[in-house]
Amino acid sequence: MRLNSRKQEPLEADIQAHLIKGLEKRGWYVQKTEGRSRNGFPDVTVVDTLGNTWFIELKRTVGRPSPDQCRELKALAEHNANVMLIYGTKAVDTLLLFKNWVDFTNIDHSILIVDSEGKMIWTKEII
């Protein structure tokens, strides 16, 4: 008998890989941020087939963005960039249900947060 039968939460890298694979299947351009970017720059940059660019920070359901990540997401949103903060695999699965993300374009200098249950919330500040 196992005392803890709950399934372990995937690592952030596994959540990223799941998102990247799903978007590349759609023919979207996806670039994982590595190396020499500014501290806090979002994990993934995506360009959809309509030419819209998305900056995405991914976290495990228990993760929290660092102050540098909050600063970068806010700065991008203030420049009218499409910015998402996604928590966990269920949030990724929710986003992958949509054929395109045109309805999620940033028209209000806000950040779209998709929580660990797939609920979407627009905000100007990450708390």
Protein backbone atom coordinates (compact mmCIF):
# COMPACT_ATOMS: atom_id res chain seq x y z
CA MET A 1 0.00 0.00 0.00
CA ARG A 2 1.28 3.45 -0.95
CA LEU A 3 0.81 6.21 1.58
CA ASN A 4 0.84 8.95 -1.03
CA SER A 5 -1.06 7.86 -4.13
CA ARG A 6 -1.29 11.37 -5.63
CA LYS A 7 0.41 11.84 -8.95
CA GLN A 8 3.48 14.08 -8.77
CA GLU A 9 3.11 17.45 -10.48
CA PRO A 10 5.16 17.76 -13.70
CA LEU A 11 8.30 19.88 -13.69
CA GLU A 12 8.14 23.33 -15.27
CA ALA A 13 10.28 22.05 -18.16
CA ASP A 14 7.71 19.31 -18.84
CA ILE A 15 4.87 21.86 -18.82
CA GLN A 16 6.84 24.01 -21.29
CA ALA A 17 7.49 21.03 -23.54
CA HIS A 18 3.76 20.18 -23.53
CA LEU A 19 2.85 23.76 -24.56
CA ILE A 20 5.57 23.95 -27.21
CA LYS A 21 4.61 20.61 -28.77
CA GLY A 22 0.92 21.57 -28.89
CA LEU A 23 1.61 24.94 -30.54
CA GLU A 24 4.15 23.59 -33.03
CA LYS A 25 1.56 21.00 -34.14
CA ARG A 26 -0.59 23.98 -35.15
CA GLY A 27 2.22 25.40 -37.23
CA TRP A 28 3.00 28.24 -34.81
CA TYR A 29 6.53 29.56 -34.46
CA VAL A 30 7.78 28.85 -30.93
CA GLN A 31 11.04 29.96 -29.33
CA LYS A 32 12.04 28.88 -25.82
CA THR A 33 14.00 31.60 -24.03
CA GLU A 34 17.48 30.45 -23.13
CA GLY A 35 20.81 31.92 -22.26
CA ARG A 36 21.48 35.57 -22.69
CA SER A 37 18.04 37.14 -22.22
CA ARG A 38 17.32 39.71 -19.52
CA ASN A 39 16.58 38.36 -16.06
CA GLY A 40 12.88 37.58 -15.85
CA PHE A 41 12.17 37.55 -19.58
CA PRO A 42 9.26 35.14 -20.31
CA ASP A 43 9.98 31.45 -20.90
CA VAL A 44 8.45 31.15 -24.37
CA THR A 45 7.81 33.49 -27.31
CA VAL A 46 5.15 32.37 -29.78
CA VAL A 47 4.00 33.71 -33.15
CA ASP A 48 0.67 32.32 -34.35
CA THR A 49 -0.27 31.78 -38.00
CA LEU A 50 -1.93 35.22 -38.08
CA GLY A 51 1.30 36.97 -37.06
CA ASN A 52 0.32 37.70 -33.45
CA THR A 53 3.20 37.42 -30.98
CA TRP A 54 2.76 36.05 -27.45
CA PHE A 55 5.14 36.18 -24.49
CA ILE A 56 4.44 33.35 -22.06
CA GLU A 57 5.74 32.66 -18.56
CA LEU A 58 5.00 29.16 -17.29
CA LYS A 59 4.88 28.01 -13.68
CA ARG A 60 4.03 24.83 -11.84
CA THR A 61 0.78 25.11 -9.91
CA VAL A 62 2.80 25.79 -6.75
CA GLY A 63 5.21 28.20 -8.46
CA ARG A 64 5.32 31.96 -8.12
CA PRO A 65 6.90 34.43 -10.55
CA SER A 66 10.02 36.21 -9.32
CA PRO A 67 10.11 39.99 -8.96
CA ASP A 68 12.17 40.15 -12.20
CA GLN A 69 9.54 38.06 -14.02
CA CYS A 70 6.72 40.27 -12.71
CA ARG A 71 8.62 43.37 -13.86
CA GLU A 72 9.20 41.96 -17.36
CA LEU A 73 5.62 40.74 -17.83
CA LYS A 74 4.25 44.11 -16.71
CA ALA A 75 6.64 46.05 -18.97
CA LEU A 76 5.68 43.92 -21.99
CA ALA A 77 1.95 44.34 -21.25
CA GLU A 78 2.38 48.11 -20.88
CA HIS A 79 3.83 48.10 -24.40
CA ASN A 80 0.64 46.35 -25.61
CA ALA A 81 2.38 42.99 -26.05
CA ASN A 82 0.31 39.84 -25.62
CA VAL A 83 1.44 38.44 -22.27
CA MET A 84 0.36 35.26 -20.46
CA LEU A 85 1.24 33.76 -17.10
CA ILE A 86 0.24 30.08 -17.11
CA TYR A 87 0.09 27.80 -14.06
CA GLY A 88 0.39 24.07 -14.72
CA THR A 89 -0.61 21.48 -17.28
CA LYS A 90 -4.37 22.03 -16.93
CA ALA A 91 -3.91 25.70 -17.86
CA VAL A 92 -1.89 24.68 -20.93
CA ASP A 93 -4.57 22.16 -21.91
CA THR A 94 -7.23 24.88 -21.58
CA LEU A 95 -5.33 27.20 -23.93
CA LEU A 96 -4.73 24.41 -26.44
CA LEU A 97 -8.50 23.96 -26.74
CA PHE A 98 -8.67 27.27 -28.62
CA LYS A 99 -7.88 27.20 -32.34
CA ASN A 100 -6.40 30.66 -32.12
CA TRP A 101 -5.87 33.22 -29.39
CA VAL A 102 -7.16 36.31 -31.22
CA ASP A 103 -9.75 36.86 -28.47
CA PHE A 104 -6.89 37.01 -25.95
CA THR A 105 -5.05 39.92 -27.58
CA ASN A 106 -4.01 42.61 -25.15
CA ILE A 107 -6.03 45.76 -25.73
CA ASP A 108 -5.87 47.08 -22.17
CA HIS A 109 -2.19 46.87 -21.13
CA SER A 110 -2.99 43.79 -19.05
CA ILE A 111 -1.59 40.32 -18.41
CA LEU A 112 -3.68 37.21 -18.96
CA ILE A 113 -3.27 34.75 -16.10
CA VAL A 114 -4.49 31.19 -16.62
CA ASP A 115 -4.63 29.49 -13.22
CA SER A 116 -4.11 25.84 -12.36
CA GLU A 117 -7.83 25.11 -12.98
CA GLY A 118 -7.84 26.78 -16.41
CA LYS A 119 -9.64 29.92 -15.21
CA MET A 120 -8.59 33.06 -17.11
CA ILE A 121 -8.13 36.41 -15.38
CA TRP A 122 -6.90 39.70 -16.84
CA THR A 123 -4.79 41.84 -14.49
CA LYS A 124 -2.40 44.77 -14.57
CA GLU A 125 -0.46 43.59 -11.49
CA ILE A 126 0.74 40.13 -10.53
CA ILE A 127 0.12 39.54 -6.85
